[in-house]
């Protein structure tokens, strides 16, 4: 049987996906049902898996952006489980046993907590019968208490990880944001697309420089010649959200990178260029069209919607929502969420210029930069 097995996990969900030929759907469903319902955890295999994850932990310092974003998540939600690394705590990894994982499965793997999604050339009635048969041994509910059910509370803070041996610095500036159940969720998706990603060799390496890209964030970053990367990120959970920007560049511009993270969101609270909004909408329209050709991505999105919202959100509904968002809408959004807000700042690497600043007030005052020009202390 030719097929591909994928496992995707985030802080709130796990997705086990098999992509196969349409004639093998029944066999794929049986494999999934057996894996979820009847799998046994062999201690020897578990030790091999732990060694593999430990190897990934050892390589964290070589993946600057990924590791910095994990630190940003921790900095904002350090009092809750969602602030912990997706791959687990290296100090706790070796304490995991098959019994602990069996207890986790008993608390989370039951009928009311699982959604089975089929996309592509599938007959609905046959698929339902196959799922009922393959997952019949699984209970509908569980009597085991689930951990970490409390709502995460966003905490603005400073996290400085100084390493003068690193050549460059990593900066993450993130704000409290809406969950995917919030009415502002799709507005933040559009805002993320408006900020987009910046690469100095792409955005500032030709005649049509960043000042002519009609993107306020790119224009500001391009003034810093040794800031080579920047990207916008939005993490939306069922009852929490985190939105912000990651920047990477020479240590000389550490303070300015922090300023870029707080300046443009507040600039947008009083002025937004229509071109930026329209271009971001078009980017998301194209992304929606591409998603229809990826059965795995479609399944992940449908599964999340069914688990969190109890219904699926179609591409046409998303496109309709986006089409009603203009520059005035984004301006109001930024004014609500970012003006005089309290972001979390995460700096890692050669950060002498900011690690010596012990007061959060120094960073916080720059979130009002659009009102008082004297508050541009991070940029000057």
Protein backbone atom coordinates (compact mmCIF):
# COMPACT_ATOMS: atom_id res chain seq x y z
CA UNK A 1 0.00 0.00 0.00
CA UNK A 2 1.52 3.34 -1.05
CA UNK A 3 0.76 6.00 1.55
CA UNK A 4 2.33 8.74 3.62
CA UNK A 5 1.98 9.07 7.39
CA UNK A 6 2.33 12.49 9.06
CA UNK A 7 2.11 13.57 12.68
CA UNK A 8 1.54 17.21 13.53
CA UNK A 9 1.20 18.56 17.03
CA UNK A 10 0.80 21.97 18.61
CA UNK A 11 0.13 23.10 22.15
CA UNK A 12 -3.56 22.16 22.01
CA UNK A 13 -3.97 19.51 19.34
CA UNK A 14 -2.42 16.48 17.73
CA UNK A 15 -3.14 15.39 14.17
CA UNK A 16 -2.32 11.96 12.74
CA UNK A 17 -2.75 11.96 8.94
CA UNK A 18 -2.50 9.30 6.25
CA UNK A 19 -2.47 10.34 2.60
CA UNK A 20 -3.25 7.45 0.30
CA UNK A 21 -4.92 6.48 -2.98
CA UNK A 22 -8.69 6.63 -2.87
CA UNK A 23 -8.92 2.86 -3.22
CA UNK A 24 -7.00 2.42 0.05
CA UNK A 25 -9.18 4.66 2.24
CA UNK A 26 -10.64 1.73 4.19
CA UNK A 27 -7.18 0.35 5.02
CA UNK A 28 -5.94 3.82 6.02
CA UNK A 29 -8.88 4.32 8.38
CA UNK A 30 -8.24 0.91 9.96
CA UNK A 31 -4.58 1.81 10.48
CA UNK A 32 -5.52 5.11 12.16
CA UNK A 33 -8.15 3.45 14.32
CA UNK A 34 -5.73 0.76 15.46
CA UNK A 35 -2.95 3.28 16.15
CA UNK A 36 -5.19 5.51 18.28
CA UNK A 37 -7.31 2.85 20.00
CA UNK A 38 -5.09 -0.18 20.49
CA UNK A 39 -1.44 0.87 20.26
CA UNK A 40 0.91 -0.41 22.94
CA UNK A 41 3.86 1.61 24.16
CA UNK A 42 7.04 -0.46 24.14
CA UNK A 43 9.58 0.89 26.69
CA UNK A 44 12.51 0.20 24.35
CA UNK A 45 10.88 2.08 21.48
CA UNK A 46 10.04 4.92 23.87
CA UNK A 47 13.72 5.27 24.78
CA UNK A 48 14.61 5.53 21.10
CA UNK A 49 11.98 8.24 20.62
CA UNK A 50 13.29 10.15 23.65
CA UNK A 51 16.81 9.99 22.22
CA UNK A 52 15.51 11.43 18.95
CA UNK A 53 13.79 14.33 20.73
CA UNK A 54 16.88 14.91 22.89
CA UNK A 55 18.91 15.25 19.70
CA UNK A 56 16.48 17.91 18.49
CA UNK A 57 16.93 19.76 21.79
CA UNK A 58 20.69 19.74 21.30
CA UNK A 59 20.27 21.45 17.93
CA UNK A 60 17.99 24.23 19.22
CA UNK A 61 20.83 26.75 19.34
CA UNK A 62 21.35 26.39 15.58
CA UNK A 63 17.74 27.31 14.69
CA UNK A 64 17.59 30.92 15.78
CA UNK A 65 14.08 31.86 14.72
CA UNK A 66 12.35 28.70 15.95
CA UNK A 67 14.12 28.81 19.32
CA UNK A 68 13.47 32.53 19.79
CA UNK A 69 9.77 32.08 19.05
CA UNK A 70 9.58 29.31 21.67
CA UNK A 71 11.20 31.72 24.13
CA UNK A 72 8.66 34.42 23.18
CA UNK A 73 5.81 32.02 23.93
CA UNK A 74 7.36 31.20 27.30
CA UNK A 75 7.93 34.87 28.10
CA UNK A 76 4.24 35.70 27.55
CA UNK A 77 2.72 32.61 29.20
CA UNK A 78 5.42 31.40 31.56
CA UNK A 79 2.85 30.57 34.27
CA UNK A 80 0.91 28.13 32.05
CA UNK A 81 1.54 24.94 30.12
CA UNK A 82 1.11 26.71 26.74
CA UNK A 83 4.28 28.62 27.54
CA UNK A 84 6.32 25.42 27.62
CA UNK A 85 8.19 24.14 24.53
CA UNK A 86 6.23 22.06 22.03
CA UNK A 87 8.94 19.40 22.14
CA UNK A 88 8.97 19.37 25.93
CA UNK A 89 11.42 20.43 28.60
CA UNK A 90 14.85 18.79 28.13
CA UNK A 91 15.18 18.44 31.92
CA UNK A 92 11.91 16.50 32.11
CA UNK A 93 12.27 14.42 28.97
CA UNK A 94 14.25 11.62 30.60
CA UNK A 95 11.60 11.25 33.32
CA UNK A 96 8.91 10.24 30.83
CA UNK A 97 7.80 6.64 31.06
CA UNK A 98 5.29 4.46 29.21
CA UNK A 99 2.96 4.67 32.23
CA UNK A 100 2.95 8.48 32.10
CA UNK A 101 2.10 8.44 28.40
CA UNK A 102 -0.63 5.84 28.98
CA UNK A 103 -2.14 8.15 31.58
CA UNK A 104 -2.05 11.06 29.12
CA UNK A 105 -3.79 8.97 26.46
CA UNK A 106 -6.46 7.87 28.90
CA UNK A 107 -7.19 11.51 29.78
CA UNK A 108 -7.27 12.83 26.21
CA UNK A 109 -7.94 10.05 23.69
CA UNK A 110 -11.70 9.46 23.79
CA UNK A 111 -14.57 9.83 21.36
CA UNK A 112 -15.85 13.28 22.33
CA UNK A 113 -12.31 14.67 22.07
CA UNK A 114 -11.51 13.33 18.60
CA UNK A 115 -12.51 14.44 15.11
CA UNK A 116 -11.90 12.20 12.10
CA UNK A 117 -11.64 14.13 8.82
CA UNK A 118 -11.61 12.75 5.29
CA UNK A 119 -10.80 14.96 2.30
CA UNK A 120 -10.43 14.21 -1.40
CA UNK A 121 -12.09 11.39 -3.32
CA UNK A 122 -14.08 9.88 -0.43
CA UNK A 123 -17.59 8.47 -0.32
CA UNK A 124 -19.17 9.96 2.78
CA UNK A 125 -21.45 7.09 3.81
CA UNK A 126 -18.73 4.48 3.39
CA UNK A 127 -16.25 6.65 5.26
CA UNK A 128 -18.61 7.02 8.24
CA UNK A 129 -19.11 3.23 8.41
CA UNK A 130 -15.36 2.64 8.24
CA UNK A 131 -14.68 5.13 11.04
CA UNK A 132 -17.39 3.64 13.26
CA UNK A 133 -15.88 0.21 12.84
CA UNK A 134 -12.22 1.21 13.23
CA UNK A 135 -12.77 3.33 16.37
CA UNK A 136 -15.49 1.20 17.98
CA UNK A 137 -13.26 0.05 20.86
CA UNK A 138 -12.69 3.63 22.05
CA UNK A 139 -14.87 5.03 24.82
CA UNK A 140 -17.00 8.11 24.25
CA UNK A 141 -15.85 9.88 27.44
CA UNK A 142 -13.06 9.56 29.99
CA UNK A 143 -13.16 9.61 33.78
CA UNK A 144 -9.49 10.62 34.03
CA UNK A 145 -8.93 14.25 35.03
CA UNK A 146 -7.36 16.36 32.27
CA UNK A 147 -4.50 18.67 33.22
CA UNK A 148 -3.98 22.35 32.26
CA UNK A 149 -7.63 23.20 31.70
CA UNK A 150 -7.30 26.71 33.17
CA UNK A 151 -7.20 29.72 30.84
CA UNK A 152 -3.69 31.06 30.03
CA UNK A 153 -3.08 34.60 31.26
CA UNK A 154 -0.87 36.85 29.13
CA UNK A 155 1.94 38.44 31.14
CA UNK A 156 4.01 41.26 29.57
CA UNK A 157 7.65 40.87 30.54
CA UNK A 158 11.28 41.24 29.56
CA UNK A 159 13.38 38.16 28.78
CA UNK A 160 17.06 38.82 28.12
CA UNK A 161 19.29 35.86 27.18
CA UNK A 162 22.74 37.34 26.68
CA UNK A 163 25.37 35.41 24.72
CA UNK A 164 28.23 37.62 23.57
CA UNK A 165 29.74 34.72 21.63
CA UNK A 166 26.90 34.96 19.08
CA UNK A 167 27.60 37.16 16.08
CA UNK A 168 24.04 38.47 15.73
CA UNK A 169 21.00 39.10 17.90
CA UNK A 170 17.44 37.76 17.90
CA UNK A 171 14.52 39.95 18.94
CA UNK A 172 10.87 39.06 19.47
CA UNK A 173 8.21 41.65 20.32
CA UNK A 174 4.79 40.13 20.96
CA UNK A 175 1.36 41.35 22.08
CA UNK A 176 -1.68 39.80 23.67
CA UNK A 177 -4.00 38.78 20.81
CA UNK A 178 -7.44 37.18 20.27
CA UNK A 179 -8.11 33.45 20.19
CA UNK A 180 -9.42 31.78 17.03
CA UNK A 181 -12.90 31.96 18.57
CA UNK A 182 -12.74 35.75 18.81
CA UNK A 183 -14.45 38.00 16.21
CA UNK A 184 -11.09 39.69 15.56
CA UNK A 185 -9.32 36.43 14.60
CA UNK A 186 -9.47 36.92 10.82
CA UNK A 187 -8.54 40.59 11.23
CA UNK A 188 -5.32 39.49 12.90
CA UNK A 189 -4.70 37.00 10.10
CA UNK A 190 -4.91 39.93 7.69
CA UNK A 191 -2.65 42.03 9.90
CA UNK A 192 -0.04 39.26 9.93
CA UNK A 193 -0.14 39.18 6.12
CA UNK A 194 0.26 42.97 6.02
CA UNK A 195 3.50 42.78 8.01
CA UNK A 196 4.63 39.70 6.11
CA UNK A 197 8.27 38.66 6.06
CA UNK A 198 11.37 40.72 5.28
CA UNK A 199 14.67 39.53 3.83
CA UNK A 200 17.34 42.04 3.06
CA UNK A 201 18.46 40.21 -0.10
CA UNK A 202 14.89 40.26 -1.45
CA UNK A 203 13.36 43.49 -0.13
CA UNK A 204 16.38 45.79 -0.19
CA UNK A 205 18.65 44.29 -2.81
CA UNK A 206 17.34 45.89 -6.01
CA UNK A 207 16.34 49.21 -7.51
CA UNK A 208 12.78 48.93 -6.22
CA UNK A 209 13.95 49.28 -2.62
CA UNK A 210 11.93 48.70 0.52
CA UNK A 211 10.84 52.33 0.68
CA UNK A 212 8.74 51.66 -2.42
CA UNK A 213 7.19 48.39 -1.23
CA UNK A 214 4.23 50.18 0.40
CA UNK A 215 4.86 48.40 3.69
CA UNK A 216 5.56 50.58 6.73
CA UNK A 217 7.27 47.75 8.60
CA UNK A 218 9.61 46.89 5.72
CA UNK A 219 10.42 50.56 5.22
CA UNK A 220 11.40 50.99 8.85
CA UNK A 221 13.47 47.80 8.97
CA UNK A 222 15.25 48.66 5.71
CA UNK A 223 16.75 51.74 7.40
CA UNK A 224 18.79 49.31 9.51
CA UNK A 225 21.36 47.92 7.03
CA UNK A 226 22.44 44.94 9.16
CA UNK A 227 18.96 43.70 10.10
CA UNK A 228 18.65 40.86 7.63
CA UNK A 229 15.44 39.04 8.60
CA UNK A 230 12.03 39.87 10.01
CA UNK A 231 8.78 37.91 10.09
CA UNK A 232 5.31 38.28 11.55
CA UNK A 233 3.70 35.48 13.60
CA UNK A 234 0.24 34.87 15.03
CA UNK A 235 -0.48 32.00 17.42
CA UNK A 236 -4.19 31.59 18.14
CA UNK A 237 -5.41 29.02 20.63
CA UNK A 238 -8.90 28.21 21.85
CA UNK A 239 -8.74 30.78 24.67
CA UNK A 240 -5.52 32.75 24.12
CA UNK A 241 -3.56 34.44 21.37
CA UNK A 242 -0.12 35.90 20.73
CA UNK A 243 0.84 38.18 17.82
CA UNK A 244 4.12 39.89 17.06
CA UNK A 245 7.30 40.07 15.04
CA UNK A 246 10.68 38.35 15.02
CA UNK A 247 13.78 40.26 13.88
CA UNK A 248 17.36 39.12 13.34
CA UNK A 249 20.41 41.27 12.80
CA UNK A 250 23.66 42.72 14.01
CA UNK A 251 23.99 43.55 17.71
CA UNK A 252 24.45 47.25 16.85
CA UNK A 253 20.73 47.47 16.04
CA UNK A 254 19.24 45.55 18.97
CA UNK A 255 17.47 48.56 20.46
CA UNK A 256 16.15 49.63 17.06
CA UNK A 257 14.81 46.12 16.36
CA UNK A 258 12.80 46.31 19.58
CA UNK A 259 11.52 49.70 18.46
CA UNK A 260 10.43 48.33 15.07
CA UNK A 261 8.35 45.73 16.91
CA UNK A 262 6.39 48.35 18.87
CA UNK A 263 6.40 51.30 16.48
CA UNK A 264 4.52 50.11 13.39
CA UNK A 265 1.56 48.51 15.27
CA UNK A 266 0.93 51.86 16.96
CA UNK A 267 1.53 53.79 13.74
CA UNK A 268 -1.23 51.71 12.18
CA UNK A 269 -3.55 52.83 14.99
CA UNK A 270 -3.71 56.30 13.43
CA UNK A 271 -2.81 55.69 9.76
CA UNK A 272 -2.89 52.70 7.44
CA UNK A 273 -2.13 52.72 3.73
CA UNK A 274 -4.94 51.17 1.64
CA UNK A 275 -2.35 49.55 -0.63
CA UNK A 276 -0.96 47.49 2.26
CA UNK A 277 -4.42 46.22 3.21
CA UNK A 278 -5.42 45.30 -0.35
CA UNK A 279 -2.13 43.55 -1.08
CA UNK A 280 -2.47 41.47 2.11
CA UNK A 281 -6.03 40.52 1.17
CA UNK A 282 -4.88 39.34 -2.26
CA UNK A 283 -2.10 37.29 -0.66
CA UNK A 284 -4.62 35.52 1.58
CA UNK A 285 -7.01 34.94 -1.36
CA UNK A 286 -4.20 33.16 -3.23
CA UNK A 287 -3.36 31.16 -0.13
CA UNK A 288 -6.97 30.00 0.14
CA UNK A 289 -6.93 28.80 -3.45
CA UNK A 290 -3.71 26.87 -2.91
CA UNK A 291 -5.07 25.20 0.23
CA UNK A 292 -7.69 23.30 -1.78
CA UNK A 293 -4.90 21.27 -3.40
CA UNK A 294 -3.36 20.14 -0.11
CA UNK A 295 -5.52 17.48 1.52
CA UNK A 296 -3.33 17.39 4.63
CA UNK A 297 -3.61 21.15 5.24
CA UNK A 298 -7.35 21.05 4.58
CA UNK A 299 -7.78 18.19 7.05
CA UNK A 300 -5.82 20.02 9.76
CA UNK A 301 -7.90 23.18 9.33
CA UNK A 302 -11.23 21.30 9.30
CA UNK A 303 -10.21 19.29 12.36
CA UNK A 304 -9.30 22.40 14.34
CA UNK A 305 -12.54 24.13 13.37
CA UNK A 306 -14.65 21.14 14.34
CA UNK A 307 -12.88 20.68 17.68
CA UNK A 308 -12.85 24.35 18.64
CA UNK A 309 -15.89 25.84 16.92
CA UNK A 310 -18.16 22.85 16.33
CA UNK A 311 -18.39 23.67 12.61
CA UNK A 312 -16.20 24.09 9.58
CA UNK A 313 -15.42 27.52 8.14
CA UNK A 314 -15.39 27.35 4.36
CA UNK A 315 -12.95 29.18 2.12
CA UNK A 316 -15.79 31.30 0.73
CA UNK A 317 -16.74 32.45 4.23
CA UNK A 318 -13.14 33.39 4.99
CA UNK A 319 -12.86 35.27 1.69
CA UNK A 320 -16.10 37.12 2.43
CA UNK A 321 -14.87 38.15 5.87
CA UNK A 322 -11.57 39.38 4.43
CA UNK A 323 -13.27 41.33 1.64
CA UNK A 324 -15.06 43.46 4.24
CA UNK A 325 -11.83 44.55 5.92
CA UNK A 326 -10.33 47.83 4.77
CA UNK A 327 -7.69 50.24 6.04
CA UNK A 328 -10.16 51.89 8.42
CA UNK A 329 -10.98 48.49 9.93
CA UNK A 330 -7.28 47.71 10.53
CA UNK A 331 -6.74 51.18 12.00
CA UNK A 332 -9.51 50.60 14.53
CA UNK A 333 -8.16 47.10 15.28
CA UNK A 334 -4.65 48.40 16.00
CA UNK A 335 -6.00 51.23 18.12
CA UNK A 336 -7.92 48.69 20.22
CA UNK A 337 -5.15 46.11 20.68
CA UNK A 338 -1.84 48.02 20.41
CA UNK A 339 -2.20 51.64 21.47
CA UNK A 340 -0.64 52.05 24.93
CA UNK A 341 -0.44 48.26 25.09
CA UNK A 342 1.99 46.14 27.08
CA UNK A 343 4.05 43.90 24.79
CA UNK A 344 6.53 41.25 25.86
CA UNK A 345 10.14 41.69 24.74
CA UNK A 346 12.48 38.74 24.16
CA UNK A 347 16.13 39.35 23.24
CA UNK A 348 18.68 36.57 22.68
CA UNK A 349 22.31 36.75 21.62
CA UNK A 350 24.76 39.66 21.64
CA UNK A 351 22.35 42.04 23.37
CA UNK A 352 24.52 44.24 25.56
CA UNK A 353 22.55 47.30 24.40
CA UNK A 354 19.30 46.07 25.92
CA UNK A 355 20.24 43.53 28.61
CA UNK A 356 21.68 46.37 30.70
CA UNK A 357 18.29 48.13 30.72
CA UNK A 358 16.49 46.71 33.73
CA UNK A 359 13.27 48.73 33.61
CA UNK A 360 10.21 47.54 31.66
CA UNK A 361 9.05 51.18 31.71
CA UNK A 362 11.82 52.11 29.26
CA UNK A 363 10.40 49.65 26.71
CA UNK A 364 6.76 50.27 27.56
CA UNK A 365 6.93 54.02 26.94
CA UNK A 366 7.79 53.39 23.29
CA UNK A 367 4.35 51.89 22.63
CA UNK A 368 3.02 55.46 22.61
CA UNK A 369 5.53 56.57 19.97
CA UNK A 370 2.85 57.87 17.62
CA UNK A 371 1.70 60.41 20.21
CA UNK A 372 4.93 61.82 21.58
CA UNK A 373 7.98 61.82 19.35
CA UNK A 374 10.20 62.13 22.40
CA UNK A 375 9.32 58.52 23.19
CA UNK A 376 11.47 57.23 20.35
CA UNK A 377 14.18 56.39 22.88
CA UNK A 378 14.75 52.88 21.57
CA UNK A 379 15.43 54.04 18.02
CA UNK A 380 17.84 56.86 18.81
